[in-house]
Amino acid sequence: MEIRDYQGIDEIGWVRCRVLSFLNTAYFDNVLQKKETYAQPAIELVAIADQQVIGLLDIEYEVQPHTVCSRGEGLGGMIWHIAVHPDYQRKGVAHQLLQEAEKRAQEKKLNRLEAWTRDDQWVNNWYINNQFSIVDSYLQVFMDSEELKLAVTTDIPELYPVQAFAHYVGKEREKIKERFARVHECFCFEKKLL
């Protein structure tokens, strides 16, 4: 396996790897048709094996505090994407990507990494096992047409919302979880870099 910088020719493999790796997670519906680009500088890595992208990690980082990350002091980097193709999971690919990314982040004088992820326990355990700590959370609420009737109104005639996605940051989390069928807790993980 080779870990190297992402190149434009990797885009199709990057998208495929991300889609396939997200299928059995709470992010199953977070499909991208092309790789994101970033307003700030980024560390963009891919793991290559068998002539294909088998893993990826993207970190957009700050050159001025609080321009990318949502918390912390000093300069941080936001992990926007980390994924490993299902055929290569549980073989240390993500850990190796993270190690290389951390090395590069320290060279850029970043003092921490931040990542937000939903409530897949195995994903959260991966972050914890890689020395990240949970520092915040909120709820992501998905509403279908029946749930929308009770929660969302519109003043536009003949406009009928059929789906909605919302963030809930209040304190009545259990009530929200009881009211809506699909609710995910989204956790903020942070890792201090030396």
N, C-alpha and C. Protein backbone atom coordinates (compact mmCIF):
# COMPACT_ATOMS: atom_id res chain seq x y z
N MET A 1 0.84 -1.18 0.00
CA MET A 1 0.00 0.00 0.00
C MET A 1 0.88 1.24 0.00
N GLU A 2 0.46 2.24 -0.77
CA GLU A 2 1.16 3.52 -0.84
C GLU A 2 0.22 4.61 -0.35
N ILE A 3 0.71 5.48 0.51
CA ILE A 3 -0.04 6.66 0.92
C ILE A 3 0.63 7.85 0.27
N ARG A 4 -0.17 8.63 -0.46
CA ARG A 4 0.39 9.77 -1.19
C ARG A 4 -0.64 10.88 -1.25
N ASP A 5 -0.21 12.02 -1.78
CA ASP A 5 -1.12 13.14 -1.99
C ASP A 5 -2.18 12.78 -3.02
N TYR A 6 -3.39 13.25 -2.78
CA TYR A 6 -4.46 13.12 -3.76
C TYR A 6 -4.06 13.85 -5.04
N GLN A 7 -4.40 13.27 -6.19
CA GLN A 7 -4.19 13.89 -7.50
C GLN A 7 -5.53 13.89 -8.24
N GLY A 8 -5.70 14.80 -9.16
CA GLY A 8 -6.95 14.90 -9.92
C GLY A 8 -7.37 13.60 -10.57
N ILE A 9 -6.40 12.79 -10.99
CA ILE A 9 -6.75 11.51 -11.64
C ILE A 9 -7.37 10.51 -10.65
N ASP A 10 -7.31 10.82 -9.35
CA ASP A 10 -7.86 9.93 -8.32
C ASP A 10 -9.35 10.17 -8.06
N GLU A 11 -9.94 11.19 -8.68
CA GLU A 11 -11.28 11.61 -8.28
C GLU A 11 -12.32 10.48 -8.36
N ILE A 12 -12.39 9.76 -9.45
CA ILE A 12 -13.40 8.69 -9.57
C ILE A 12 -13.17 7.63 -8.49
N GLY A 13 -11.94 7.23 -8.29
CA GLY A 13 -11.63 6.25 -7.25
C GLY A 13 -11.93 6.79 -5.86
N TRP A 14 -11.67 8.08 -5.64
CA TRP A 14 -11.96 8.73 -4.36
C TRP A 14 -13.46 8.66 -4.08
N VAL A 15 -14.26 9.04 -5.07
CA VAL A 15 -15.72 9.03 -4.90
C VAL A 15 -16.23 7.61 -4.65
N ARG A 16 -15.75 6.66 -5.43
CA ARG A 16 -16.18 5.26 -5.25
C ARG A 16 -15.82 4.75 -3.86
N CYS A 17 -14.60 5.02 -3.44
CA CYS A 17 -14.15 4.56 -2.12
C CYS A 17 -15.03 5.17 -1.03
N ARG A 18 -15.30 6.45 -1.11
CA ARG A 18 -16.11 7.13 -0.10
C ARG A 18 -17.53 6.56 -0.07
N VAL A 19 -18.15 6.43 -1.23
CA VAL A 19 -19.53 5.91 -1.30
C VAL A 19 -19.59 4.50 -0.71
N LEU A 20 -18.71 3.62 -1.15
CA LEU A 20 -18.74 2.24 -0.67
C LEU A 20 -18.46 2.15 0.83
N SER A 21 -17.56 2.98 1.32
CA SER A 21 -17.23 2.91 2.75
C SER A 21 -18.36 3.46 3.62
N PHE A 22 -19.17 4.35 3.09
CA PHE A 22 -20.25 4.95 3.87
C PHE A 22 -21.54 4.12 3.85
N LEU A 23 -21.65 3.13 2.96
CA LEU A 23 -22.90 2.39 2.80
C LEU A 23 -23.43 1.76 4.09
N ASN A 24 -22.57 1.22 4.91
CA ASN A 24 -23.01 0.55 6.13
C ASN A 24 -22.81 1.41 7.37
N THR A 25 -22.97 2.72 7.20
CA THR A 25 -22.82 3.65 8.31
C THR A 25 -24.05 4.55 8.38
N ALA A 26 -24.10 5.37 9.41
CA ALA A 26 -25.19 6.34 9.55
C ALA A 26 -25.13 7.41 8.45
N TYR A 27 -24.02 7.50 7.73
CA TYR A 27 -23.88 8.44 6.62
C TYR A 27 -24.22 7.81 5.27
N PHE A 28 -24.98 6.73 5.26
CA PHE A 28 -25.26 5.99 4.02
C PHE A 28 -25.85 6.86 2.92
N ASP A 29 -26.55 7.92 3.27
CA ASP A 29 -27.19 8.76 2.27
C ASP A 29 -26.39 10.02 1.95
N ASN A 30 -25.20 10.15 2.49
CA ASN A 30 -24.36 11.32 2.24
C ASN A 30 -23.47 11.04 1.02
N VAL A 31 -24.08 11.05 -0.14
CA VAL A 31 -23.41 10.68 -1.38
C VAL A 31 -22.89 11.94 -2.08
N LEU A 32 -21.65 11.88 -2.50
CA LEU A 32 -21.06 12.96 -3.31
C LEU A 32 -20.82 12.44 -4.71
N GLN A 33 -21.00 13.30 -5.70
CA GLN A 33 -20.73 12.90 -7.08
C GLN A 33 -19.35 13.31 -7.54
N LYS A 34 -18.71 14.20 -6.77
CA LYS A 34 -17.34 14.59 -7.08
C LYS A 34 -16.66 14.98 -5.77
N LYS A 35 -15.36 15.02 -5.81
CA LYS A 35 -14.60 15.36 -4.62
C LYS A 35 -14.75 16.84 -4.31
N GLU A 36 -14.89 17.12 -3.04
CA GLU A 36 -14.97 18.51 -2.60
C GLU A 36 -13.63 19.22 -2.79
N THR A 37 -13.72 20.53 -2.96
CA THR A 37 -12.54 21.38 -2.91
C THR A 37 -12.71 22.28 -1.70
N TYR A 38 -11.63 22.87 -1.23
CA TYR A 38 -11.66 23.62 0.02
C TYR A 38 -11.23 25.06 -0.17
N ALA A 39 -11.83 25.95 0.62
CA ALA A 39 -11.48 27.36 0.56
C ALA A 39 -10.10 27.61 1.19
N GLN A 40 -9.80 26.86 2.23
CA GLN A 40 -8.51 26.98 2.93
C GLN A 40 -7.57 25.87 2.43
N PRO A 41 -6.30 25.95 2.78
CA PRO A 41 -5.38 24.87 2.40
C PRO A 41 -5.83 23.53 2.98
N ALA A 42 -5.40 22.45 2.36
CA ALA A 42 -5.85 21.12 2.81
C ALA A 42 -4.74 20.09 2.67
N ILE A 43 -4.79 19.13 3.56
CA ILE A 43 -4.00 17.90 3.46
C ILE A 43 -4.95 16.88 2.87
N GLU A 44 -4.66 16.41 1.67
CA GLU A 44 -5.54 15.49 0.97
C GLU A 44 -4.73 14.25 0.60
N LEU A 45 -5.03 13.14 1.30
CA LEU A 45 -4.27 11.92 1.12
C LEU A 45 -5.14 10.80 0.58
N VAL A 46 -4.51 9.91 -0.18
CA VAL A 46 -5.17 8.67 -0.61
C VAL A 46 -4.23 7.51 -0.30
N ALA A 47 -4.84 6.37 -0.03
CA ALA A 47 -4.11 5.11 0.09
C ALA A 47 -4.40 4.33 -1.19
N ILE A 48 -3.34 3.85 -1.82
CA ILE A 48 -3.46 3.14 -3.10
C ILE A 48 -2.97 1.70 -2.91
N ALA A 49 -3.77 0.76 -3.37
CA ALA A 49 -3.36 -0.66 -3.43
C ALA A 49 -4.10 -1.28 -4.60
N ASP A 50 -3.48 -2.24 -5.21
CA ASP A 50 -4.10 -2.93 -6.34
C ASP A 50 -4.58 -1.95 -7.40
N GLN A 51 -3.83 -0.87 -7.59
CA GLN A 51 -4.09 0.16 -8.58
C GLN A 51 -5.44 0.87 -8.40
N GLN A 52 -5.88 0.97 -7.14
CA GLN A 52 -7.12 1.70 -6.88
C GLN A 52 -7.02 2.45 -5.56
N VAL A 53 -7.89 3.45 -5.39
CA VAL A 53 -7.98 4.18 -4.14
C VAL A 53 -8.72 3.28 -3.14
N ILE A 54 -8.01 2.93 -2.06
CA ILE A 54 -8.63 2.07 -1.03
C ILE A 54 -8.88 2.83 0.26
N GLY A 55 -8.38 4.06 0.34
CA GLY A 55 -8.60 4.88 1.53
C GLY A 55 -8.35 6.33 1.21
N LEU A 56 -8.91 7.21 2.02
CA LEU A 56 -8.76 8.64 1.80
C LEU A 56 -8.90 9.38 3.11
N LEU A 57 -8.26 10.53 3.17
CA LEU A 57 -8.38 11.40 4.33
C LEU A 57 -8.15 12.83 3.86
N ASP A 58 -9.11 13.70 4.13
CA ASP A 58 -9.01 15.12 3.78
C ASP A 58 -9.09 15.96 5.05
N ILE A 59 -8.12 16.84 5.23
CA ILE A 59 -8.12 17.78 6.35
C ILE A 59 -7.96 19.19 5.79
N GLU A 60 -8.96 20.01 5.96
CA GLU A 60 -8.83 21.43 5.63
C GLU A 60 -8.28 22.10 6.88
N TYR A 61 -7.28 22.95 6.72
CA TYR A 61 -6.65 23.52 7.92
C TYR A 61 -6.62 25.05 7.90
N GLU A 62 -6.46 25.56 9.10
CA GLU A 62 -6.49 27.00 9.33
C GLU A 62 -5.10 27.61 9.17
N VAL A 63 -5.08 28.79 8.59
CA VAL A 63 -3.88 29.62 8.63
C VAL A 63 -4.13 30.81 9.54
N GLN A 64 -5.41 31.01 9.90
CA GLN A 64 -5.83 31.95 10.93
C GLN A 64 -6.85 31.22 11.80
N PRO A 65 -6.75 31.38 13.13
CA PRO A 65 -7.65 30.66 14.03
C PRO A 65 -9.14 30.89 13.71
N HIS A 66 -9.93 29.86 13.91
CA HIS A 66 -11.39 29.88 13.82
C HIS A 66 -11.92 30.15 12.41
N THR A 67 -11.15 29.80 11.39
CA THR A 67 -11.63 29.95 10.02
C THR A 67 -12.14 28.63 9.44
N VAL A 68 -11.80 27.51 10.10
CA VAL A 68 -12.24 26.19 9.63
C VAL A 68 -12.89 25.40 10.76
N CYS A 69 -12.20 25.34 11.89
CA CYS A 69 -12.68 24.53 13.01
C CYS A 69 -13.71 25.29 13.83
N SER A 70 -14.52 24.55 14.56
CA SER A 70 -15.62 25.16 15.31
C SER A 70 -15.25 25.49 16.75
N ARG A 71 -14.06 25.09 17.18
CA ARG A 71 -13.71 25.29 18.58
C ARG A 71 -12.19 25.31 18.73
N GLY A 72 -11.72 25.46 19.97
CA GLY A 72 -10.30 25.34 20.28
C GLY A 72 -9.52 26.62 20.07
N GLU A 73 -8.29 26.58 20.56
CA GLU A 73 -7.37 27.72 20.45
C GLU A 73 -6.25 27.37 19.49
N GLY A 74 -5.67 28.39 18.87
CA GLY A 74 -4.57 28.16 17.94
C GLY A 74 -5.10 27.68 16.59
N LEU A 75 -4.22 27.05 15.83
CA LEU A 75 -4.57 26.60 14.49
C LEU A 75 -4.98 25.13 14.51
N GLY A 76 -6.11 24.84 13.89
CA GLY A 76 -6.61 23.48 13.84
C GLY A 76 -6.86 23.02 12.42
N GLY A 77 -7.12 21.75 12.31
CA GLY A 77 -7.47 21.14 11.03
C GLY A 77 -8.74 20.33 11.18
N MET A 78 -9.65 20.47 10.22
CA MET A 78 -10.93 19.75 10.22
C MET A 78 -10.85 18.53 9.32
N ILE A 79 -11.07 17.36 9.89
CA ILE A 79 -11.14 16.14 9.09
C ILE A 79 -12.53 16.13 8.45
N TRP A 80 -12.58 16.40 7.16
CA TRP A 80 -13.87 16.40 6.46
C TRP A 80 -14.22 15.00 5.97
N HIS A 81 -13.23 14.25 5.55
CA HIS A 81 -13.49 12.92 5.01
C HIS A 81 -12.40 11.96 5.46
N ILE A 82 -12.82 10.81 5.94
CA ILE A 82 -11.92 9.69 6.16
C ILE A 82 -12.73 8.44 5.82
N ALA A 83 -12.18 7.61 4.95
CA ALA A 83 -12.93 6.45 4.48
C ALA A 83 -11.97 5.38 4.00
N VAL A 84 -12.39 4.14 4.18
CA VAL A 84 -11.62 2.99 3.69
C VAL A 84 -12.59 2.07 2.95
N HIS A 85 -12.18 1.67 1.76
CA HIS A 85 -12.98 0.75 0.95
C HIS A 85 -13.30 -0.49 1.79
N PRO A 86 -14.55 -1.00 1.75
CA PRO A 86 -14.94 -2.15 2.59
C PRO A 86 -14.02 -3.37 2.46
N ASP A 87 -13.47 -3.62 1.29
CA ASP A 87 -12.59 -4.78 1.11
C ASP A 87 -11.26 -4.63 1.84
N TYR A 88 -10.94 -3.42 2.32
CA TYR A 88 -9.66 -3.15 2.97
C TYR A 88 -9.81 -2.67 4.41
N GLN A 89 -11.04 -2.68 4.92
CA GLN A 89 -11.26 -2.23 6.29
C GLN A 89 -10.68 -3.23 7.29
N ARG A 90 -10.40 -2.71 8.47
CA ARG A 90 -9.86 -3.49 9.59
C ARG A 90 -8.45 -4.02 9.30
N LYS A 91 -7.71 -3.27 8.47
CA LYS A 91 -6.33 -3.66 8.13
C LYS A 91 -5.35 -2.52 8.44
N GLY A 92 -5.80 -1.51 9.17
CA GLY A 92 -4.92 -0.42 9.57
C GLY A 92 -4.77 0.69 8.57
N VAL A 93 -5.55 0.68 7.50
CA VAL A 93 -5.41 1.71 6.46
C VAL A 93 -5.74 3.09 7.02
N ALA A 94 -6.85 3.22 7.72
CA ALA A 94 -7.25 4.52 8.26
C ALA A 94 -6.22 5.02 9.26
N HIS A 95 -5.70 4.14 10.08
CA HIS A 95 -4.69 4.53 11.06
C HIS A 95 -3.44 5.06 10.37
N GLN A 96 -3.02 4.39 9.30
CA GLN A 96 -1.83 4.84 8.57
C GLN A 96 -2.07 6.19 7.89
N LEU A 97 -3.27 6.37 7.35
CA LEU A 97 -3.62 7.67 6.77
C LEU A 97 -3.57 8.75 7.84
N LEU A 98 -4.12 8.46 9.01
CA LEU A 98 -4.13 9.43 10.11
C LEU A 98 -2.71 9.76 10.56
N GLN A 99 -1.85 8.76 10.67
CA GLN A 99 -0.47 9.02 11.08
C GLN A 99 0.24 9.96 10.12
N GLU A 100 0.07 9.72 8.82
CA GLU A 100 0.69 10.59 7.82
C GLU A 100 0.09 12.00 7.89
N ALA A 101 -1.22 12.08 8.06
CA ALA A 101 -1.88 13.38 8.15
C ALA A 101 -1.41 14.15 9.39
N GLU A 102 -1.27 13.47 10.50
CA GLU A 102 -0.80 14.13 11.73
C GLU A 102 0.62 14.66 11.55
N LYS A 103 1.46 13.89 10.92
CA LYS A 103 2.83 14.33 10.66
C LYS A 103 2.82 15.63 9.84
N ARG A 104 2.02 15.64 8.80
CA ARG A 104 1.94 16.83 7.95
C ARG A 104 1.29 18.01 8.69
N ALA A 105 0.29 17.72 9.52
CA ALA A 105 -0.37 18.77 10.29
C ALA A 105 0.62 19.42 11.26
N GLN A 106 1.44 18.63 11.90
CA GLN A 106 2.44 19.19 12.82
C GLN A 106 3.47 20.03 12.07
N GLU A 107 3.85 19.61 10.87
CA GLU A 107 4.78 20.40 10.06
C GLU A 107 4.18 21.77 9.73
N LYS A 108 2.85 21.82 9.65
CA LYS A 108 2.16 23.07 9.35
C LYS A 108 1.80 23.85 10.61
N LYS A 109 2.29 23.37 11.76
CA LYS A 109 2.12 24.03 13.06
C LYS A 109 0.68 24.02 13.55
N LEU A 110 -0.09 23.00 13.15
CA LEU A 110 -1.44 22.84 13.69
C LEU A 110 -1.32 22.23 15.08
N ASN A 111 -2.17 22.66 16.01
CA ASN A 111 -2.08 22.12 17.36
C ASN A 111 -3.21 21.15 17.69
N ARG A 112 -4.14 20.95 16.76
CA ARG A 112 -5.23 20.01 17.03
C ARG A 112 -5.93 19.64 15.72
N LEU A 113 -6.63 18.50 15.78
CA LEU A 113 -7.51 18.07 14.70
C LEU A 113 -8.92 17.97 15.26
N GLU A 114 -9.88 18.27 14.43
CA GLU A 114 -11.28 18.19 14.81
C GLU A 114 -12.00 17.33 13.76
N ALA A 115 -12.97 16.55 14.22
CA ALA A 115 -13.77 15.72 13.31
C ALA A 115 -15.17 15.59 13.88
N TRP A 116 -16.17 15.67 13.03
CA TRP A 116 -17.56 15.47 13.42
C TRP A 116 -18.04 14.18 12.77
N THR A 117 -18.70 13.34 13.52
CA THR A 117 -19.23 12.10 12.95
C THR A 117 -20.50 11.69 13.68
N ARG A 118 -21.30 10.91 13.01
CA ARG A 118 -22.56 10.45 13.61
C ARG A 118 -22.32 9.30 14.58
N ASP A 119 -23.38 8.71 15.04
CA ASP A 119 -23.37 7.79 16.18
C ASP A 119 -23.13 6.32 15.84
N ASP A 120 -22.29 6.03 14.88
CA ASP A 120 -21.87 4.65 14.65
C ASP A 120 -20.83 4.32 15.72
N GLN A 121 -21.14 3.38 16.59
CA GLN A 121 -20.24 3.10 17.72
C GLN A 121 -18.85 2.69 17.27
N TRP A 122 -18.76 1.87 16.21
CA TRP A 122 -17.43 1.43 15.76
C TRP A 122 -16.59 2.58 15.23
N VAL A 123 -17.24 3.59 14.62
CA VAL A 123 -16.52 4.77 14.15
C VAL A 123 -16.05 5.60 15.35
N ASN A 124 -16.96 5.80 16.30
CA ASN A 124 -16.59 6.56 17.50
C ASN A 124 -15.47 5.87 18.26
N ASN A 125 -15.51 4.55 18.33
CA ASN A 125 -14.43 3.79 18.98
C ASN A 125 -13.10 3.98 18.26
N TRP A 126 -13.14 4.06 16.93
CA TRP A 126 -11.91 4.28 16.17
C TRP A 126 -11.28 5.61 16.58
N TYR A 127 -12.09 6.66 16.65
CA TYR A 127 -11.55 7.96 17.06
C TYR A 127 -10.98 7.88 18.47
N ILE A 128 -11.71 7.27 19.39
CA ILE A 128 -11.23 7.16 20.77
C ILE A 128 -9.93 6.36 20.83
N ASN A 129 -9.87 5.26 20.09
CA ASN A 129 -8.65 4.44 20.06
C ASN A 129 -7.46 5.16 19.43
N ASN A 130 -7.73 6.22 18.68
CA ASN A 130 -6.67 7.04 18.09
C ASN A 130 -6.47 8.35 18.83
N GLN A 131 -6.81 8.33 20.12
CA GLN A 131 -6.56 9.43 21.06
C GLN A 131 -7.34 10.72 20.80
N PHE A 132 -8.51 10.60 20.18
CA PHE A 132 -9.42 11.73 20.09
C PHE A 132 -10.34 11.71 21.30
N SER A 133 -10.84 12.86 21.68
CA SER A 133 -11.80 12.97 22.78
C SER A 133 -13.08 13.61 22.27
N ILE A 134 -14.21 13.19 22.82
CA ILE A 134 -15.49 13.82 22.49
C ILE A 134 -15.56 15.14 23.23
N VAL A 135 -15.81 16.23 22.50
CA VAL A 135 -15.84 17.55 23.11
C VAL A 135 -17.17 18.28 22.91
N ASP A 136 -18.06 17.72 22.09
CA ASP A 136 -19.34 18.39 21.85
C ASP A 136 -20.24 17.42 21.08
N SER A 137 -21.52 17.74 21.02
CA SER A 137 -22.44 16.96 20.18
C SER A 137 -23.73 17.75 19.97
N TYR A 138 -24.49 17.34 18.98
CA TYR A 138 -25.82 17.88 18.70
C TYR A 138 -26.58 16.78 17.97
N LEU A 139 -27.85 16.99 17.70
CA LEU A 139 -28.64 16.00 16.99
C LEU A 139 -28.86 16.40 15.54
N GLN A 140 -28.79 15.42 14.66
CA GLN A 140 -29.19 15.61 13.27
C GLN A 140 -30.52 14.88 13.10
N VAL A 141 -31.54 15.63 12.66
CA VAL A 141 -32.91 15.12 12.60
C VAL A 141 -33.35 15.07 11.13
N PHE A 142 -33.78 13.89 10.71
CA PHE A 142 -34.31 13.70 9.37
C PHE A 142 -35.82 13.54 9.50
N MET A 143 -36.57 14.28 8.70
CA MET A 143 -38.03 14.22 8.78
C MET A 143 -38.62 13.81 7.45
N ASP A 144 -39.57 12.88 7.50
CA ASP A 144 -40.30 12.51 6.29
C ASP A 144 -41.58 13.34 6.21
N SER A 145 -42.40 13.09 5.21
CA SER A 145 -43.56 13.96 4.96
C SER A 145 -44.53 14.00 6.12
N GLU A 146 -44.77 12.88 6.78
CA GLU A 146 -45.71 12.87 7.91
C GLU A 146 -45.14 13.65 9.10
N GLU A 147 -43.87 13.46 9.40
CA GLU A 147 -43.24 14.18 10.50
C GLU A 147 -43.15 15.67 10.20
N LEU A 148 -42.96 16.00 8.94
CA LEU A 148 -42.87 17.41 8.55
C LEU A 148 -44.16 18.17 8.84
N LYS A 149 -45.27 17.51 8.66
CA LYS A 149 -46.56 18.18 8.88
C LYS A 149 -46.67 18.72 10.30
N LEU A 150 -46.01 18.05 11.24
CA LEU A 150 -46.08 18.46 12.64
C LEU A 150 -44.98 19.45 13.02
N ALA A 151 -43.95 19.59 12.19
CA ALA A 151 -42.80 20.38 12.59
C ALA A 151 -42.50 21.58 11.70
N VAL A 152 -42.92 21.55 10.45
CA VAL A 152 -42.53 22.58 9.49
C VAL A 152 -43.76 23.12 8.77
N THR A 153 -43.83 24.42 8.66
CA THR A 153 -44.90 25.04 7.88
C THR A 153 -44.28 25.95 6.82
N THR A 154 -45.08 26.24 5.81
CA THR A 154 -44.64 27.15 4.76
C THR A 154 -45.79 28.08 4.41
N ASP A 155 -45.43 29.28 4.00
CA ASP A 155 -46.46 30.23 3.58
C ASP A 155 -46.56 30.32 2.05
N ILE A 156 -45.94 29.38 1.38
CA ILE A 156 -45.98 29.35 -0.09
C ILE A 156 -47.09 28.40 -0.51
N PRO A 157 -48.11 28.92 -1.18
CA PRO A 157 -49.21 28.05 -1.62
C PRO A 157 -48.72 26.94 -2.55
N GLU A 158 -49.28 25.77 -2.35
CA GLU A 158 -49.02 24.60 -3.19
C GLU A 158 -47.57 24.09 -3.13
N LEU A 159 -46.84 24.47 -2.10
CA LEU A 159 -45.51 23.91 -1.85
C LEU A 159 -45.65 22.92 -0.71
N TYR A 160 -45.28 21.67 -0.98
CA TYR A 160 -45.45 20.59 0.00
C TYR A 160 -44.10 19.95 0.30
N PRO A 161 -43.46 20.35 1.40
CA PRO A 161 -42.20 19.71 1.76
C PRO A 161 -42.41 18.21 1.99
N VAL A 162 -41.47 17.41 1.49
CA VAL A 162 -41.59 15.96 1.65
C VAL A 162 -40.45 15.37 2.48
N GLN A 163 -39.35 16.10 2.62
CA GLN A 163 -38.24 15.67 3.46
C GLN A 163 -37.56 16.91 4.02
N ALA A 164 -36.96 16.75 5.18
CA ALA A 164 -36.18 17.84 5.77
C ALA A 164 -35.05 17.26 6.61
N PHE A 165 -34.01 18.05 6.73
CA PHE A 165 -32.85 17.71 7.55
C PHE A 165 -32.61 18.90 8.45
N ALA A 166 -32.46 18.66 9.75
CA ALA A 166 -32.31 19.76 10.70
C ALA A 166 -31.28 19.42 11.76
N HIS A 167 -30.70 20.47 12.33
CA HIS A 167 -29.81 20.32 13.48
C HIS A 167 -30.58 20.75 14.72
N TYR A 168 -30.49 19.95 15.76
CA TYR A 168 -31.10 20.31 17.05
C TYR A 168 -29.98 20.46 18.07
N VAL A 169 -29.87 21.67 18.65
CA VAL A 169 -28.81 21.95 19.61
C VAL A 169 -29.35 22.22 21.01
N GLY A 170 -30.64 21.99 21.20
CA GLY A 170 -31.26 22.25 22.50
C GLY A 170 -31.00 21.16 23.51
N LYS A 171 -31.67 21.30 24.65
CA LYS A 171 -31.47 20.39 25.77
C LYS A 171 -32.50 19.27 25.84
N GLU A 172 -33.55 19.32 25.04
CA GLU A 172 -34.63 18.32 25.08
C GLU A 172 -34.36 17.17 24.10
N ARG A 173 -33.18 16.62 24.14
CA ARG A 173 -32.76 15.62 23.15
C ARG A 173 -33.61 14.36 23.19
N GLU A 174 -33.96 13.89 24.35
CA GLU A 174 -34.75 12.66 24.43
C GLU A 174 -36.13 12.86 23.80
N LYS A 175 -36.71 14.02 23.97
CA LYS A 175 -38.01 14.30 23.34
C LYS A 175 -37.89 14.30 21.82
N ILE A 176 -36.81 14.86 21.32
CA ILE A 176 -36.59 14.89 19.87
C ILE A 176 -36.42 13.46 19.35
N LYS A 177 -35.66 12.65 20.07
CA LYS A 177 -35.43 11.25 19.66
C LYS A 177 -36.73 10.45 19.66
N GLU A 178 -37.63 10.77 20.59
CA GLU A 178 -38.92 10.07 20.64
C GLU A 178 -39.86 10.54 19.54
N ARG A 179 -39.76 11.78 19.16
CA ARG A 179 -40.70 12.38 18.20
C ARG A 179 -40.42 12.01 16.75
N PHE A 180 -39.13 11.84 16.42
CA PHE A 180 -38.76 11.60 15.03
C PHE A 180 -38.10 10.23 14.89
N ALA A 181 -38.38 9.57 13.77
CA ALA A 181 -37.90 8.20 13.56
C ALA A 181 -36.39 8.12 13.31
N ARG A 182 -35.85 9.09 12.59
CA ARG A 182 -34.41 9.04 12.28
C ARG A 182 -33.71 10.25 12.87
N VAL A 183 -33.00 9.98 13.95
CA VAL A 183 -32.23 11.01 14.64
C VAL A 183 -30.86 10.43 14.93
N HIS A 184 -29.83 11.18 14.60
CA HIS A 184 -28.46 10.77 14.89
C HIS A 184 -27.82 11.80 15.80
N GLU A 185 -27.07 11.32 16.79
CA GLU A 185 -26.25 12.25 17.55
C GLU A 185 -24.95 12.41 16.77
N CYS A 186 -24.57 13.64 16.55
CA CYS A 186 -23.36 13.96 15.81
C CYS A 186 -22.33 14.45 16.83
N PHE A 187 -21.20 13.74 16.92
CA PHE A 187 -20.19 14.01 17.92
C PHE A 187 -19.01 14.79 17.32
N CYS A 188 -18.50 15.72 18.10
CA CYS A 188 -17.27 16.42 17.74
C CYS A 188 -16.13 15.75 18.50
N PHE A 189 -15.17 15.24 17.75
CA PHE A 189 -13.97 14.67 18.32
C PHE A 189 -12.82 15.63 18.11
N GLU A 190 -11.94 15.70 19.09
CA GLU A 190 -10.77 16.57 18.98
C GLU A 190 -9.54 15.80 19.45
N LYS A 191 -8.44 16.03 18.75
CA LYS A 191 -7.17 15.44 19.14
C LYS A 191 -6.14 16.54 19.20
N LYS A 192 -5.51 16.65 20.34
CA LYS A 192 -4.42 17.62 20.50
C LYS A 192 -3.17 17.05 19.85
N LEU A 193 -2.47 17.88 19.12
CA LEU A 193 -1.21 17.49 18.50
C LEU A 193 -0.07 18.11 19.30
N LEU A 194 1.02 17.41 19.39
CA LEU A 194 2.17 17.91 20.18
C LEU A 194 2.97 18.93 19.40
